[in-house]
Amino acid sequence: MLEIGFKPSFIKQFKQLEKDLRQEVEEKIELLKDKRNHATLKVHKLHGPLPGYWSFSVNYKTKIVFEQSGNEIVLLAIGNHDVYKN
């Protein structure tokens, strides 16, 4: 199982989401802890302005950007496709 950490910026963005979406995000984060679920979540490495970072889909619109080091994942940002511009 992977350890999950949160940047303050992620927590701030998360708190601004609607209640139903927050619940969906929490469920996807639980799935992220097990690497066997990464294909289902569409986990992929980012390129361009965000090399070294990873992303996965919460739903069609909402993405989460994170960094991974060993067995630790730190969630950095959540939002629509504009999250890749940060």
C-alpha atoms as a PDB file:
ATOM      1  CA  MET A   1       0.000   0.000   0.000  1.00  0.00           C
ATOM      2  CA  LEU A   2       1.148   3.516  -0.806  1.00  0.00           C
ATOM      3  CA  GLU A   3       1.240   6.329   1.746  1.00  0.00           C
ATOM      4  CA  ILE A   4      -0.710   9.458   0.787  1.00  0.00           C
ATOM      5  CA  GLY A   5       0.242  13.003   1.794  1.00  0.00           C
ATOM      6  CA  PHE A   6      -1.383  16.330   0.943  1.00  0.00           C
ATOM      7  CA  LYS A   7       0.070  19.739   0.093  1.00  0.00           C
ATOM      8  CA  PRO A   8      -1.805  22.650   1.725  1.00  0.00           C
ATOM      9  CA  SER A   9      -2.771  23.895  -1.753  1.00  0.00           C
ATOM     10  CA  PHE A  10      -4.501  20.574  -2.476  1.00  0.00           C
ATOM     11  CA  ILE A  11      -6.438  20.711   0.793  1.00  0.00           C
ATOM     12  CA  LYS A  12      -7.600  24.256   0.024  1.00  0.00           C
ATOM     13  CA  GLN A  13      -8.795  23.249  -3.463  1.00  0.00           C
ATOM     14  CA  PHE A  14     -10.437  20.108  -2.084  1.00  0.00           C
ATOM     15  CA  LYS A  15     -12.448  22.085   0.489  1.00  0.00           C
ATOM     16  CA  GLN A  16     -13.874  24.264  -2.292  1.00  0.00           C
ATOM     17  CA  LEU A  17     -15.399  21.277  -4.107  1.00  0.00           C
ATOM     18  CA  GLU A  18     -19.063  20.325  -3.843  1.00  0.00           C
ATOM     19  CA  LYS A  19     -19.850  17.706  -1.202  1.00  0.00           C
ATOM     20  CA  ASP A  20     -20.681  14.946  -3.724  1.00  0.00           C
ATOM     21  CA  LEU A  21     -17.441  15.531  -5.604  1.00  0.00           C
ATOM     22  CA  ARG A  22     -15.411  15.545  -2.355  1.00  0.00           C
ATOM     23  CA  GLN A  23     -16.838  12.121  -1.542  1.00  0.00           C
ATOM     24  CA  GLU A  24     -15.919  10.828  -5.010  1.00  0.00           C
ATOM     25  CA  VAL A  25     -12.384  12.228  -4.609  1.00  0.00           C
ATOM     26  CA  GLU A  26     -11.987  10.474  -1.241  1.00  0.00           C
ATOM     27  CA  GLU A  27     -13.034   7.162  -2.828  1.00  0.00           C
ATOM     28  CA  LYS A  28     -10.524   7.583  -5.687  1.00  0.00           C
ATOM     29  CA  ILE A  29      -7.726   8.447  -3.249  1.00  0.00           C
ATOM     30  CA  GLU A  30      -8.432   5.192  -1.404  1.00  0.00           C
ATOM     31  CA  LEU A  31      -8.140   3.333  -4.728  1.00  0.00           C
ATOM     32  CA  LEU A  32      -4.854   5.146  -5.473  1.00  0.00           C
ATOM     33  CA  LYS A  33      -3.242   3.560  -2.414  1.00  0.00           C
ATOM     34  CA  ASP A  34      -3.215   0.189  -4.222  1.00  0.00           C
ATOM     35  CA  LYS A  35      -1.072   0.173  -7.382  1.00  0.00           C
ATOM     36  CA  ARG A  36      -3.337  -2.497  -8.910  1.00  0.00           C
ATOM     37  CA  ASN A  37      -6.002   0.221  -9.312  1.00  0.00           C
ATOM     38  CA  HIS A  38      -3.790   2.661 -11.216  1.00  0.00           C
ATOM     39  CA  ALA A  39      -4.952   1.519 -14.667  1.00  0.00           C
ATOM     40  CA  THR A  40      -8.581   2.028 -13.618  1.00  0.00           C
ATOM     41  CA  LEU A  41      -7.738   5.547 -12.406  1.00  0.00           C
ATOM     42  CA  LYS A  42      -5.811   6.286 -15.626  1.00  0.00           C
ATOM     43  CA  VAL A  43      -2.644   7.187 -13.718  1.00  0.00           C
ATOM     44  CA  HIS A  44      -0.115   8.650 -16.129  1.00  0.00           C
ATOM     45  CA  LYS A  45       3.152  10.540 -16.065  1.00  0.00           C
ATOM     46  CA  LEU A  46       2.984  14.181 -17.127  1.00  0.00           C
ATOM     47  CA  HIS A  47       5.240  15.801 -19.707  1.00  0.00           C
ATOM     48  CA  GLY A  48       5.820  19.323 -20.946  1.00  0.00           C
ATOM     49  CA  PRO A  49       5.734  21.938 -18.175  1.00  0.00           C
ATOM     50  CA  LEU A  50       5.150  19.314 -15.430  1.00  0.00           C
ATOM     51  CA  PRO A  51       7.827  16.645 -15.943  1.00  0.00           C
ATOM     52  CA  GLY A  52       8.272  14.357 -12.972  1.00  0.00           C
ATOM     53  CA  TYR A  53       4.660  14.720 -11.878  1.00  0.00           C
ATOM     54  CA  TRP A  54       1.804  12.281 -12.301  1.00  0.00           C
ATOM     55  CA  SER A  55      -1.942  12.621 -12.715  1.00  0.00           C
ATOM     56  CA  PHE A  56      -5.118  10.568 -12.468  1.00  0.00           C
ATOM     57  CA  SER A  57      -8.791  11.072 -13.197  1.00  0.00           C
ATOM     58  CA  VAL A  58     -11.459  11.406 -10.551  1.00  0.00           C
ATOM     59  CA  ASN A  59     -14.091  11.689 -13.272  1.00  0.00           C
ATOM     60  CA  TYR A  60     -14.273  13.013 -16.827  1.00  0.00           C
ATOM     61  CA  LYS A  61     -13.678  16.627 -15.706  1.00  0.00           C
ATOM     62  CA  THR A  62     -11.675  16.395 -12.481  1.00  0.00           C
ATOM     63  CA  LYS A  63      -7.977  15.512 -12.350  1.00  0.00           C
ATOM     64  CA  ILE A  64      -5.469  15.221  -9.517  1.00  0.00           C
ATOM     65  CA  VAL A  65      -1.769  16.024  -9.935  1.00  0.00           C
ATOM     66  CA  PHE A  66       0.707  14.332  -7.616  1.00  0.00           C
ATOM     67  CA  GLU A  67       4.343  13.458  -7.130  1.00  0.00           C
ATOM     68  CA  GLN A  68       5.614  10.061  -6.085  1.00  0.00           C
ATOM     69  CA  SER A  69       8.774   9.031  -4.340  1.00  0.00           C
ATOM     70  CA  GLY A  70       9.087   5.362  -3.462  1.00  0.00           C
ATOM     71  CA  ASN A  71       5.953   4.339  -1.585  1.00  0.00           C
ATOM     72  CA  GLU A  72       4.836   7.900  -0.846  1.00  0.00           C
ATOM     73  CA  ILE A  73       2.454   9.962  -2.956  1.00  0.00           C
ATOM     74  CA  VAL A  74       1.901  13.664  -2.292  1.00  0.00           C
ATOM     75  CA  LEU A  75      -1.249  15.143  -3.808  1.00  0.00           C
ATOM     76  CA  LEU A  76      -0.478  18.618  -5.182  1.00  0.00           C
ATOM     77  CA  ALA A  77      -3.536  19.968  -6.996  1.00  0.00           C
ATOM     78  CA  ILE A  78      -7.094  19.085  -7.993  1.00  0.00           C
ATOM     79  CA  GLY A  79      -9.313  20.607 -10.658  1.00  0.00           C
ATOM     80  CA  ASN A  80     -10.327  20.520 -14.289  1.00  0.00           C
ATOM     81  CA  HIS A  81      -7.815  20.351 -17.133  1.00  0.00           C
ATOM     82  CA  ASP A  82      -6.509  23.799 -16.128  1.00  0.00           C
ATOM     83  CA  VAL A  83      -4.822  22.084 -13.175  1.00  0.00           C
ATOM     84  CA  TYR A  84      -2.026  21.168 -15.603  1.00  0.00           C
ATOM     85  CA  LYS A  85      -1.228  24.836 -16.146  1.00  0.00           C
ATOM     86  CA  ASN A  86      -0.161  25.442 -12.511  1.00  0.00           C
END
